[in-house]
Amino acid sequence: ALALAKASDDPADAARIAAVLADRTFAAMTREAAALALGCFRRTDPPPAFDGRFYDRLRATLFETLDDRLASHRLRCNAALALGLLGDQGVTVDDAFAKDGRLAIRGLWMRLERPDTDDDTAVALLVALSLQNPAGVPRAVIDGLRRLASNGDAGRRRRGALPRAHAVLARERLGDRDAIPLVTTIVRASGQDPNVRRSAVI
């Protein structure tokens, strides 16, 4: 599945891999590979068949996997990472709401704010978010990343050190120079969690 996704120029191959992802009779590792494989359809120079609608269909499939409460924890994390891999790919050009990947960014952020999202899945969502087009990231998400990085505030729940550390990295990748005071404060705070401080140094 991974090799086919990296080499194919045929949308039908994506449908075949998506069918494997949806089939609960396959082994867990096979379905996890299928989820990640959908992210491997990313191309520097996509063939004509890989247009914005094609990539939005892949994203929709991966979001469905993220929302499947019967899916394994690892499968949902792989789906999130695949969404990250598609962060620089096209979107449906005649959908103003999708411009610059805004719908994908909104989808990732909404799932990050859910109180039933565990910290490991939150890390995968933050990695995926950090790989999206910065032009599509609204100020509210940038501010939310700052709060999460600063004190673990994720809206309806508090997050631990690892999501905070990845929020620091995501804030820096997506933001601008106004994030420098945030990382400086974190680095200088002697009582700060080491994982969060390392991210601030990076």
N, C-alpha and C. Protein backbone atom coordinates (compact mmCIF):
# COMPACT_ATOMS: atom_id res chain seq x y z
N ALA A 1 0.83 -1.21 0.00
CA ALA A 1 0.00 0.00 0.00
C ALA A 1 0.87 1.26 0.00
N LEU A 2 1.90 1.27 0.84
CA LEU A 2 2.78 2.44 0.91
C LEU A 2 3.53 2.65 -0.41
N ALA A 3 4.06 1.56 -0.96
CA ALA A 3 4.81 1.66 -2.21
C ALA A 3 3.91 2.09 -3.37
N LEU A 4 2.71 1.52 -3.42
CA LEU A 4 1.77 1.87 -4.49
C LEU A 4 1.40 3.34 -4.41
N ALA A 5 1.13 3.84 -3.21
CA ALA A 5 0.74 5.24 -3.05
C ALA A 5 1.87 6.18 -3.49
N LYS A 6 3.09 5.80 -3.22
CA LYS A 6 4.22 6.66 -3.58
C LYS A 6 4.50 6.66 -5.08
N ALA A 7 4.06 5.59 -5.77
CA ALA A 7 4.41 5.45 -7.19
C ALA A 7 3.26 5.70 -8.15
N SER A 8 2.03 5.60 -7.66
CA SER A 8 0.86 5.60 -8.55
C SER A 8 0.55 6.99 -9.13
N ASP A 9 -0.04 6.97 -10.33
CA ASP A 9 -0.62 8.19 -10.90
C ASP A 9 -2.10 7.98 -11.22
N ASP A 10 -2.71 6.98 -10.57
CA ASP A 10 -4.09 6.59 -10.86
C ASP A 10 -4.95 6.76 -9.61
N PRO A 11 -5.99 7.61 -9.63
CA PRO A 11 -6.86 7.77 -8.47
C PRO A 11 -7.53 6.47 -8.03
N ALA A 12 -7.71 5.52 -8.95
CA ALA A 12 -8.32 4.25 -8.58
C ALA A 12 -7.49 3.52 -7.54
N ASP A 13 -6.17 3.73 -7.53
CA ASP A 13 -5.33 3.09 -6.53
C ASP A 13 -5.62 3.66 -5.14
N ALA A 14 -5.93 4.94 -5.07
CA ALA A 14 -6.31 5.53 -3.79
C ALA A 14 -7.61 4.91 -3.28
N ALA A 15 -8.54 4.66 -4.18
CA ALA A 15 -9.80 4.02 -3.79
C ALA A 15 -9.55 2.60 -3.27
N ARG A 16 -8.63 1.90 -3.91
CA ARG A 16 -8.30 0.54 -3.46
C ARG A 16 -7.70 0.56 -2.04
N ILE A 17 -6.81 1.51 -1.81
CA ILE A 17 -6.18 1.60 -0.50
C ILE A 17 -7.21 2.04 0.55
N ALA A 18 -8.10 2.96 0.18
CA ALA A 18 -9.15 3.39 1.10
C ALA A 18 -10.07 2.23 1.47
N ALA A 19 -10.30 1.32 0.53
CA ALA A 19 -11.12 0.14 0.81
C ALA A 19 -10.45 -0.75 1.84
N VAL A 20 -9.14 -0.89 1.75
CA VAL A 20 -8.39 -1.66 2.76
C VAL A 20 -8.51 -0.99 4.12
N LEU A 21 -8.38 0.33 4.14
CA LEU A 21 -8.49 1.07 5.39
C LEU A 21 -9.85 0.85 6.05
N ALA A 22 -10.90 0.77 5.26
CA ALA A 22 -12.26 0.64 5.80
C ALA A 22 -12.62 -0.79 6.18
N ASP A 23 -11.85 -1.77 5.74
CA ASP A 23 -12.19 -3.18 5.93
C ASP A 23 -11.64 -3.69 7.26
N ARG A 24 -12.53 -3.91 8.22
CA ARG A 24 -12.13 -4.33 9.56
C ARG A 24 -11.63 -5.77 9.61
N THR A 25 -11.75 -6.51 8.52
CA THR A 25 -11.24 -7.89 8.53
C THR A 25 -9.73 -7.94 8.33
N PHE A 26 -9.14 -6.84 7.88
CA PHE A 26 -7.69 -6.81 7.72
C PHE A 26 -7.01 -6.66 9.09
N ALA A 27 -5.78 -7.12 9.16
CA ALA A 27 -4.99 -6.97 10.38
C ALA A 27 -4.79 -5.48 10.70
N ALA A 28 -4.62 -5.19 11.98
CA ALA A 28 -4.47 -3.80 12.42
C ALA A 28 -3.31 -3.11 11.70
N MET A 29 -2.18 -3.79 11.57
CA MET A 29 -1.02 -3.17 10.93
C MET A 29 -1.29 -2.84 9.46
N THR A 30 -2.07 -3.68 8.80
CA THR A 30 -2.40 -3.44 7.40
C THR A 30 -3.24 -2.18 7.26
N ARG A 31 -4.23 -2.02 8.12
CA ARG A 31 -5.08 -0.83 8.07
C ARG A 31 -4.29 0.43 8.45
N GLU A 32 -3.37 0.31 9.42
CA GLU A 32 -2.53 1.45 9.78
C GLU A 32 -1.67 1.88 8.61
N ALA A 33 -1.11 0.91 7.89
CA ALA A 33 -0.30 1.22 6.71
C ALA A 33 -1.15 1.87 5.63
N ALA A 34 -2.39 1.41 5.48
CA ALA A 34 -3.28 1.98 4.46
C ALA A 34 -3.59 3.44 4.79
N ALA A 35 -3.81 3.75 6.07
CA ALA A 35 -4.07 5.14 6.45
C ALA A 35 -2.87 6.02 6.11
N LEU A 36 -1.69 5.57 6.48
CA LEU A 36 -0.49 6.36 6.19
C LEU A 36 -0.25 6.45 4.69
N ALA A 37 -0.58 5.39 3.96
CA ALA A 37 -0.38 5.38 2.51
C ALA A 37 -1.18 6.47 1.82
N LEU A 38 -2.37 6.77 2.32
CA LEU A 38 -3.17 7.83 1.69
C LEU A 38 -2.43 9.17 1.75
N GLY A 39 -1.65 9.37 2.79
CA GLY A 39 -0.84 10.59 2.86
C GLY A 39 0.33 10.56 1.90
N CYS A 40 0.71 9.38 1.43
CA CYS A 40 1.86 9.24 0.53
C CYS A 40 1.50 9.51 -0.92
N PHE A 41 0.25 9.88 -1.20
CA PHE A 41 -0.12 10.30 -2.56
C PHE A 41 0.32 11.75 -2.82
N ARG A 42 0.96 12.37 -1.86
CA ARG A 42 1.43 13.75 -2.06
C ARG A 42 2.47 13.76 -3.17
N ARG A 43 2.47 14.80 -3.97
CA ARG A 43 3.39 14.91 -5.10
C ARG A 43 3.90 16.35 -5.22
N THR A 44 5.18 16.48 -5.54
CA THR A 44 5.72 17.81 -5.84
C THR A 44 5.13 18.34 -7.14
N ASP A 45 4.97 17.43 -8.10
CA ASP A 45 4.37 17.79 -9.39
C ASP A 45 3.26 16.78 -9.68
N PRO A 46 2.05 17.00 -9.16
CA PRO A 46 0.99 16.00 -9.28
C PRO A 46 0.55 15.80 -10.73
N PRO A 47 0.18 14.56 -11.09
CA PRO A 47 -0.42 14.34 -12.41
C PRO A 47 -1.79 15.00 -12.46
N PRO A 48 -2.32 15.23 -13.65
CA PRO A 48 -3.61 15.94 -13.77
C PRO A 48 -4.73 15.31 -12.96
N ALA A 49 -4.71 14.00 -12.83
CA ALA A 49 -5.80 13.33 -12.11
C ALA A 49 -5.76 13.62 -10.61
N PHE A 50 -4.61 14.06 -10.10
CA PHE A 50 -4.48 14.36 -8.68
C PHE A 50 -4.73 15.86 -8.47
N ASP A 51 -5.99 16.24 -8.62
CA ASP A 51 -6.34 17.65 -8.44
C ASP A 51 -6.83 17.90 -7.02
N GLY A 52 -7.31 19.11 -6.77
CA GLY A 52 -7.75 19.45 -5.43
C GLY A 52 -8.88 18.58 -4.93
N ARG A 53 -9.79 18.22 -5.81
CA ARG A 53 -10.91 17.37 -5.40
C ARG A 53 -10.41 15.98 -4.98
N PHE A 54 -9.43 15.48 -5.71
CA PHE A 54 -8.85 14.18 -5.35
C PHE A 54 -8.27 14.24 -3.94
N TYR A 55 -7.49 15.27 -3.65
CA TYR A 55 -6.87 15.37 -2.33
C TYR A 55 -7.91 15.63 -1.24
N ASP A 56 -8.95 16.37 -1.55
CA ASP A 56 -10.00 16.58 -0.55
C ASP A 56 -10.76 15.29 -0.25
N ARG A 57 -10.89 14.41 -1.24
CA ARG A 57 -11.51 13.10 -0.98
C ARG A 57 -10.62 12.28 -0.04
N LEU A 58 -9.31 12.33 -0.25
CA LEU A 58 -8.41 11.63 0.65
C LEU A 58 -8.54 12.17 2.07
N ARG A 59 -8.59 13.49 2.18
CA ARG A 59 -8.72 14.11 3.51
C ARG A 59 -10.03 13.68 4.18
N ALA A 60 -11.11 13.65 3.41
CA ALA A 60 -12.41 13.25 3.98
C ALA A 60 -12.35 11.83 4.52
N THR A 61 -11.70 10.93 3.79
CA THR A 61 -11.56 9.54 4.24
C THR A 61 -10.76 9.47 5.53
N LEU A 62 -9.69 10.25 5.60
CA LEU A 62 -8.84 10.23 6.80
C LEU A 62 -9.56 10.85 7.99
N PHE A 63 -10.34 11.89 7.77
CA PHE A 63 -11.12 12.46 8.88
C PHE A 63 -12.18 11.47 9.37
N GLU A 64 -12.77 10.70 8.46
CA GLU A 64 -13.72 9.67 8.87
C GLU A 64 -13.03 8.66 9.79
N THR A 65 -11.80 8.30 9.47
CA THR A 65 -11.05 7.36 10.31
C THR A 65 -10.76 7.98 11.67
N LEU A 66 -10.41 9.25 11.68
CA LEU A 66 -10.17 9.94 12.95
C LEU A 66 -11.41 9.95 13.84
N ASP A 67 -12.58 10.02 13.23
CA ASP A 67 -13.82 10.11 13.98
C ASP A 67 -14.42 8.75 14.33
N ASP A 68 -13.80 7.68 13.86
CA ASP A 68 -14.30 6.33 14.10
C ASP A 68 -13.89 5.88 15.50
N ARG A 69 -14.83 5.88 16.43
CA ARG A 69 -14.50 5.52 17.81
C ARG A 69 -14.17 4.03 17.95
N LEU A 70 -14.50 3.22 16.93
CA LEU A 70 -14.13 1.80 16.97
C LEU A 70 -12.73 1.56 16.41
N ALA A 71 -12.16 2.58 15.77
CA ALA A 71 -10.81 2.44 15.23
C ALA A 71 -9.80 2.45 16.37
N SER A 72 -8.69 1.76 16.16
CA SER A 72 -7.66 1.71 17.20
C SER A 72 -6.99 3.07 17.36
N HIS A 73 -6.39 3.22 18.49
CA HIS A 73 -5.65 4.45 18.78
C HIS A 73 -4.57 4.68 17.73
N ARG A 74 -3.81 3.65 17.40
CA ARG A 74 -2.72 3.78 16.41
C ARG A 74 -3.26 4.13 15.03
N LEU A 75 -4.40 3.56 14.68
CA LEU A 75 -4.98 3.84 13.37
C LEU A 75 -5.38 5.31 13.26
N ARG A 76 -6.00 5.84 14.30
CA ARG A 76 -6.40 7.25 14.28
C ARG A 76 -5.17 8.16 14.22
N CYS A 77 -4.11 7.81 14.94
CA CYS A 77 -2.89 8.62 14.88
C CYS A 77 -2.28 8.59 13.49
N ASN A 78 -2.27 7.43 12.84
CA ASN A 78 -1.74 7.35 11.48
C ASN A 78 -2.57 8.18 10.51
N ALA A 79 -3.89 8.19 10.72
CA ALA A 79 -4.75 9.01 9.87
C ALA A 79 -4.41 10.49 10.04
N ALA A 80 -4.16 10.91 11.28
CA ALA A 80 -3.78 12.30 11.52
C ALA A 80 -2.46 12.63 10.84
N LEU A 81 -1.49 11.75 10.96
CA LEU A 81 -0.19 12.00 10.33
C LEU A 81 -0.31 12.06 8.81
N ALA A 82 -1.17 11.23 8.24
CA ALA A 82 -1.40 11.27 6.79
C ALA A 82 -2.00 12.60 6.37
N LEU A 83 -2.90 13.14 7.19
CA LEU A 83 -3.44 14.47 6.91
C LEU A 83 -2.34 15.53 6.92
N GLY A 84 -1.37 15.34 7.81
CA GLY A 84 -0.24 16.25 7.82
C GLY A 84 0.56 16.18 6.54
N LEU A 85 0.79 14.96 6.04
CA LEU A 85 1.56 14.78 4.81
C LEU A 85 0.88 15.46 3.62
N LEU A 86 -0.44 15.56 3.67
CA LEU A 86 -1.19 16.18 2.57
C LEU A 86 -1.32 17.70 2.74
N GLY A 87 -0.68 18.25 3.76
CA GLY A 87 -0.87 19.65 4.10
C GLY A 87 -0.47 20.62 3.01
N ASP A 88 0.48 20.23 2.14
CA ASP A 88 0.92 21.14 1.09
C ASP A 88 0.34 20.78 -0.27
N GLN A 89 -0.66 19.92 -0.29
CA GLN A 89 -1.28 19.52 -1.54
C GLN A 89 -2.52 20.35 -1.85
N GLY A 90 -3.04 20.21 -3.07
CA GLY A 90 -4.12 21.04 -3.54
C GLY A 90 -5.44 20.85 -2.79
N VAL A 91 -6.33 21.80 -2.98
CA VAL A 91 -7.69 21.73 -2.45
C VAL A 91 -8.64 22.05 -3.60
N THR A 92 -9.92 21.81 -3.39
CA THR A 92 -10.93 22.10 -4.40
C THR A 92 -10.91 23.59 -4.73
N VAL A 93 -10.59 23.93 -5.96
CA VAL A 93 -10.31 25.33 -6.30
C VAL A 93 -11.55 26.21 -6.29
N ASP A 94 -12.74 25.63 -6.53
CA ASP A 94 -13.94 26.46 -6.57
C ASP A 94 -14.67 26.51 -5.23
N ASP A 95 -14.02 26.07 -4.17
CA ASP A 95 -14.59 26.13 -2.82
C ASP A 95 -13.82 27.18 -2.02
N ALA A 96 -14.43 28.34 -1.85
CA ALA A 96 -13.74 29.43 -1.16
C ALA A 96 -13.40 29.07 0.28
N PHE A 97 -14.21 28.22 0.90
CA PHE A 97 -13.96 27.84 2.28
C PHE A 97 -12.74 26.94 2.42
N ALA A 98 -12.37 26.25 1.33
CA ALA A 98 -11.24 25.33 1.37
C ALA A 98 -9.92 26.01 1.04
N LYS A 99 -9.94 27.26 0.64
CA LYS A 99 -8.73 27.94 0.21
C LYS A 99 -7.62 27.83 1.25
N ASP A 100 -6.41 27.55 0.77
CA ASP A 100 -5.22 27.43 1.63
C ASP A 100 -5.36 26.33 2.68
N GLY A 101 -6.23 25.36 2.42
CA GLY A 101 -6.39 24.24 3.35
C GLY A 101 -7.15 24.57 4.61
N ARG A 102 -7.99 25.62 4.57
CA ARG A 102 -8.67 26.07 5.79
C ARG A 102 -9.58 25.01 6.39
N LEU A 103 -10.26 24.23 5.54
CA LEU A 103 -11.17 23.22 6.08
C LEU A 103 -10.40 22.12 6.81
N ALA A 104 -9.27 21.72 6.26
CA ALA A 104 -8.45 20.70 6.94
C ALA A 104 -7.92 21.24 8.26
N ILE A 105 -7.48 22.48 8.25
CA ILE A 105 -6.96 23.09 9.48
C ILE A 105 -8.06 23.16 10.54
N ARG A 106 -9.25 23.58 10.12
CA ARG A 106 -10.38 23.64 11.06
C ARG A 106 -10.70 22.25 11.60
N GLY A 107 -10.69 21.24 10.71
CA GLY A 107 -10.99 19.88 11.15
C GLY A 107 -9.99 19.35 12.16
N LEU A 108 -8.72 19.62 11.94
CA LEU A 108 -7.69 19.17 12.88
C LEU A 108 -7.84 19.89 14.22
N TRP A 109 -8.06 21.20 14.18
CA TRP A 109 -8.16 21.97 15.42
C TRP A 109 -9.39 21.57 16.23
N MET A 110 -10.52 21.36 15.57
CA MET A 110 -11.73 20.96 16.29
C MET A 110 -11.53 19.63 17.01
N ARG A 111 -10.83 18.70 16.36
CA ARG A 111 -10.60 17.40 16.99
C ARG A 111 -9.58 17.49 18.11
N LEU A 112 -8.67 18.42 17.99
CA LEU A 112 -7.70 18.65 19.06
C LEU A 112 -8.38 19.19 20.31
N GLU A 113 -9.43 19.99 20.14
CA GLU A 113 -10.13 20.60 21.27
C GLU A 113 -11.10 19.64 21.96
N ARG A 114 -11.40 18.52 21.32
CA ARG A 114 -12.37 17.60 21.93
C ARG A 114 -11.85 17.05 23.26
N PRO A 115 -12.68 17.03 24.29
CA PRO A 115 -12.22 16.51 25.59
C PRO A 115 -11.93 15.02 25.56
N ASP A 116 -12.49 14.27 24.60
CA ASP A 116 -12.24 12.82 24.56
C ASP A 116 -11.01 12.46 23.71
N THR A 117 -10.29 13.46 23.20
CA THR A 117 -9.07 13.19 22.44
C THR A 117 -7.91 13.03 23.43
N ASP A 118 -7.29 11.85 23.43
CA ASP A 118 -6.20 11.59 24.37
C ASP A 118 -4.94 12.35 23.95
N ASP A 119 -3.95 12.42 24.82
CA ASP A 119 -2.76 13.22 24.57
C ASP A 119 -1.93 12.68 23.39
N ASP A 120 -1.86 11.36 23.23
CA ASP A 120 -1.08 10.82 22.11
C ASP A 120 -1.70 11.22 20.77
N THR A 121 -3.02 11.11 20.66
CA THR A 121 -3.69 11.53 19.43
C THR A 121 -3.54 13.03 19.26
N ALA A 122 -3.56 13.78 20.36
CA ALA A 122 -3.36 15.23 20.28
C ALA A 122 -2.00 15.56 19.69
N VAL A 123 -0.97 14.80 20.04
CA VAL A 123 0.36 15.02 19.47
C VAL A 123 0.33 14.80 17.97
N ALA A 124 -0.32 13.72 17.51
CA ALA A 124 -0.42 13.45 16.07
C ALA A 124 -1.18 14.57 15.37
N LEU A 125 -2.24 15.08 15.99
CA LEU A 125 -3.00 16.18 15.40
C LEU A 125 -2.16 17.45 15.32
N LEU A 126 -1.35 17.70 16.32
CA LEU A 126 -0.49 18.89 16.32
C LEU A 126 0.59 18.79 15.25
N VAL A 127 1.16 17.60 15.09
CA VAL A 127 2.15 17.41 14.02
C VAL A 127 1.48 17.67 12.67
N ALA A 128 0.28 17.11 12.48
CA ALA A 128 -0.46 17.32 11.23
C ALA A 128 -0.76 18.79 11.02
N LEU A 129 -1.19 19.46 12.07
CA LEU A 129 -1.51 20.89 11.97
C LEU A 129 -0.28 21.70 11.59
N SER A 130 0.87 21.34 12.15
CA SER A 130 2.09 22.11 11.88
C SER A 130 2.55 21.99 10.44
N LEU A 131 2.04 20.99 9.70
CA LEU A 131 2.44 20.77 8.32
C LEU A 131 1.47 21.39 7.31
N GLN A 132 0.47 22.10 7.80
CA GLN A 132 -0.50 22.74 6.90
C GLN A 132 0.06 24.07 6.38
N ASN A 133 -0.64 24.61 5.39
CA ASN A 133 -0.24 25.88 4.79
C ASN A 133 -0.47 27.02 5.79
N PRO A 134 0.58 27.72 6.20
CA PRO A 134 0.40 28.79 7.19
C PRO A 134 -0.60 29.86 6.75
N ALA A 135 -0.76 30.05 5.44
CA ALA A 135 -1.69 31.07 4.95
C ALA A 135 -3.13 30.76 5.31
N GLY A 136 -3.45 29.49 5.58
CA GLY A 136 -4.81 29.11 5.90
C GLY A 136 -5.10 29.02 7.38
N VAL A 137 -4.11 29.32 8.22
CA VAL A 137 -4.28 29.18 9.67
C VAL A 137 -4.84 30.48 10.25
N PRO A 138 -6.05 30.45 10.82
CA PRO A 138 -6.63 31.67 11.37
C PRO A 138 -5.94 32.10 12.66
N ARG A 139 -6.09 33.35 12.99
CA ARG A 139 -5.48 33.88 14.21
C ARG A 139 -5.95 33.14 15.45
N ALA A 140 -7.21 32.70 15.45
CA ALA A 140 -7.74 31.99 16.62
C ALA A 140 -6.95 30.71 16.89
N VAL A 141 -6.52 30.02 15.84
CA VAL A 141 -5.74 28.80 16.03
C VAL A 141 -4.34 29.15 16.54
N ILE A 142 -3.73 30.19 15.99
CA ILE A 142 -2.42 30.63 16.47
C ILE A 142 -2.49 30.97 17.96
N ASP A 143 -3.53 31.71 18.35
CA ASP A 143 -3.70 32.06 19.76
C ASP A 143 -3.96 30.83 20.61
N GLY A 144 -4.72 29.86 20.06
CA GLY A 144 -4.98 28.63 20.79
C GLY A 144 -3.71 27.82 20.99
N LEU A 145 -2.85 27.79 19.99
CA LEU A 145 -1.56 27.10 20.12
C LEU A 145 -0.70 27.76 21.19
N ARG A 146 -0.77 29.07 21.24
CA ARG A 146 0.00 29.78 22.27
C ARG A 146 -0.48 29.39 23.67
N ARG A 147 -1.79 29.37 23.87
CA ARG A 147 -2.32 28.99 25.19
C ARG A 147 -1.94 27.55 25.53
N LEU A 148 -2.06 26.67 24.54
CA LEU A 148 -1.72 25.28 24.78
C LEU A 148 -0.24 25.13 25.12
N ALA A 149 0.62 25.83 24.39
CA ALA A 149 2.05 25.77 24.66
C ALA A 149 2.39 26.35 26.03
N SER A 150 1.71 27.41 26.41
CA SER A 150 2.04 28.11 27.65
C SER A 150 1.64 27.34 28.89
N ASN A 151 0.40 26.82 28.88
CA ASN A 151 -0.09 26.22 30.13
C ASN A 151 -0.95 24.97 29.94
N GLY A 152 -0.99 24.43 28.72
CA GLY A 152 -1.76 23.21 28.50
C GLY A 152 -3.24 23.43 28.28
N ASP A 153 -3.67 24.69 28.15
CA ASP A 153 -5.09 25.00 27.96
C ASP A 153 -5.51 24.64 26.54
N ALA A 154 -6.37 23.62 26.42
CA ALA A 154 -6.87 23.20 25.11
C ALA A 154 -8.37 23.34 25.04
N GLY A 155 -8.89 24.42 25.57
CA GLY A 155 -10.33 24.64 25.51
C GLY A 155 -11.06 23.90 26.60
N ARG A 156 -11.57 22.72 26.27
CA ARG A 156 -12.40 21.97 27.22
C ARG A 156 -11.61 20.97 28.05
N ARG A 157 -10.28 20.98 27.96
CA ARG A 157 -9.49 20.11 28.82
C ARG A 157 -8.05 20.63 28.87
N ARG A 158 -7.31 20.12 29.84
CA ARG A 158 -5.90 20.46 29.96
C ARG A 158 -5.08 19.34 29.33
N ARG A 159 -3.99 19.74 28.69
CA ARG A 159 -3.09 18.79 28.05
C ARG A 159 -1.79 18.67 28.83
N GLY A 160 -1.15 17.50 28.67
CA GLY A 160 0.10 17.23 29.35
C GLY A 160 1.29 17.82 28.63
N ALA A 161 2.48 17.41 29.08
CA ALA A 161 3.73 18.01 28.61
C ALA A 161 4.00 17.73 27.13
N LEU A 162 3.74 16.52 26.65
CA LEU A 162 4.07 16.21 25.25
C LEU A 162 3.22 17.00 24.26
N PRO A 163 1.90 17.09 24.43
CA PRO A 163 1.15 17.98 23.55
C PRO A 163 1.61 19.44 23.66
N ARG A 164 1.94 19.88 24.85
CA ARG A 164 2.44 21.26 25.00
C ARG A 164 3.72 21.44 24.19
N ALA A 165 4.62 20.45 24.26
CA ALA A 165 5.88 20.55 23.52
C ALA A 165 5.64 20.63 22.02
N HIS A 166 4.70 19.85 21.52
CA HIS A 166 4.40 19.88 20.09
C HIS A 166 3.62 21.13 19.71
N ALA A 167 2.87 21.69 20.65
CA ALA A 167 2.19 22.95 20.39
C ALA A 167 3.21 24.08 20.21
N VAL A 168 4.30 24.04 20.97
CA VAL A 168 5.37 25.03 20.80
C VAL A 168 5.91 24.95 19.38
N LEU A 169 6.22 23.73 18.92
CA LEU A 169 6.77 23.55 17.57
C LEU A 169 5.77 23.99 16.49
N ALA A 170 4.51 23.61 16.69
CA ALA A 170 3.49 23.99 15.70
C ALA A 170 3.32 25.50 15.66
N ARG A 171 3.32 26.13 16.83
CA ARG A 171 3.18 27.60 16.89
C ARG A 171 4.32 28.28 16.14
N GLU A 172 5.51 27.76 16.27
CA GLU A 172 6.66 28.36 15.60
C GLU A 172 6.62 28.13 14.08
N ARG A 173 6.20 26.94 13.67
CA ARG A 173 6.16 26.64 12.23
C ARG A 173 5.09 27.45 11.52
N LEU A 174 3.99 27.69 12.20
CA LEU A 174 2.86 28.35 11.56
C LEU A 174 2.81 29.84 11.80
N GLY A 175 3.51 30.31 12.79
CA GLY A 175 3.40 31.70 13.18
C GLY A 175 4.47 32.57 12.57
N ASP A 176 4.74 33.67 13.23
CA ASP A 176 5.72 34.62 12.73
C ASP A 176 6.59 35.08 13.91
N ARG A 177 7.28 36.18 13.73
CA ARG A 177 8.25 36.60 14.74
C ARG A 177 7.61 36.96 16.08
N ASP A 178 6.30 37.15 16.11
CA ASP A 178 5.69 37.49 17.39
C ASP A 178 5.67 36.32 18.37
N ALA A 179 6.13 35.16 17.93
CA ALA A 179 6.22 34.00 18.82
C ALA A 179 7.53 33.97 19.60
N ILE A 180 8.49 34.83 19.24
CA ILE A 180 9.79 34.80 19.90
C ILE A 180 9.68 35.02 21.41
N PRO A 181 8.87 35.96 21.89
CA PRO A 181 8.75 36.12 23.35
C PRO A 181 8.23 34.85 24.04
N LEU A 182 7.35 34.10 23.38
CA LEU A 182 6.82 32.88 23.98
C LEU A 182 7.94 31.88 24.23
N VAL A 183 8.75 31.59 23.20
CA VAL A 183 9.79 30.57 23.38
C VAL A 183 10.88 31.06 24.32
N THR A 184 11.15 32.35 24.30
CA THR A 184 12.16 32.90 25.22
C THR A 184 11.72 32.72 26.66
N THR A 185 10.45 33.00 26.92
CA THR A 185 9.92 32.83 28.27
C THR A 185 9.99 31.37 28.71
N ILE A 186 9.64 30.45 27.81
CA ILE A 186 9.67 29.03 28.15
C ILE A 186 11.08 28.56 28.44
N VAL A 187 12.05 28.98 27.61
CA VAL A 187 13.43 28.55 27.81
C VAL A 187 13.97 29.05 29.15
N ARG A 188 13.59 30.24 29.52
CA ARG A 188 14.13 30.85 30.76
C ARG A 188 13.45 30.34 32.02
N ALA A 189 12.31 29.66 31.88
CA ALA A 189 11.55 29.22 33.06
C ALA A 189 12.17 27.95 33.63
N SER A 190 12.81 28.06 34.76
CA SER A 190 13.54 26.93 35.34
C SER A 190 12.62 25.78 35.75
N GLY A 191 11.38 26.10 36.09
CA GLY A 191 10.45 25.05 36.51
C GLY A 191 9.68 24.42 35.36
N GLN A 192 10.02 24.79 34.14
CA GLN A 192 9.29 24.31 32.97
C GLN A 192 9.61 22.85 32.69
N ASP A 193 8.65 22.11 32.15
CA ASP A 193 8.88 20.71 31.80
C ASP A 193 9.99 20.62 30.75
N PRO A 194 10.92 19.65 30.90
CA PRO A 194 12.06 19.56 29.96
C PRO A 194 11.64 19.36 28.51
N ASN A 195 10.56 18.62 28.25
CA ASN A 195 10.11 18.42 26.87
C ASN A 195 9.67 19.74 26.23
N VAL A 196 8.97 20.55 27.00
CA VAL A 196 8.50 21.84 26.49
C VAL A 196 9.68 22.76 26.26
N ARG A 197 10.63 22.76 27.17
CA ARG A 197 11.82 23.61 27.01
C ARG A 197 12.63 23.19 25.78
N ARG A 198 12.77 21.89 25.55
CA ARG A 198 13.52 21.42 24.38
C ARG A 198 12.87 21.92 23.09
N SER A 199 11.54 21.85 23.04
CA SER A 199 10.85 22.34 21.86
C SER A 199 11.07 23.83 21.66
N ALA A 200 11.09 24.58 22.76
CA ALA A 200 11.33 26.01 22.66
C ALA A 200 12.74 26.29 22.14
N VAL A 201 13.72 25.51 22.60
CA VAL A 201 15.09 25.68 22.11
C VAL A 201 15.16 25.37 20.61
N ILE A 202 14.53 24.27 20.21
CA ILE A 202 14.52 23.88 18.79
C ILE A 202 13.88 24.96 17.95
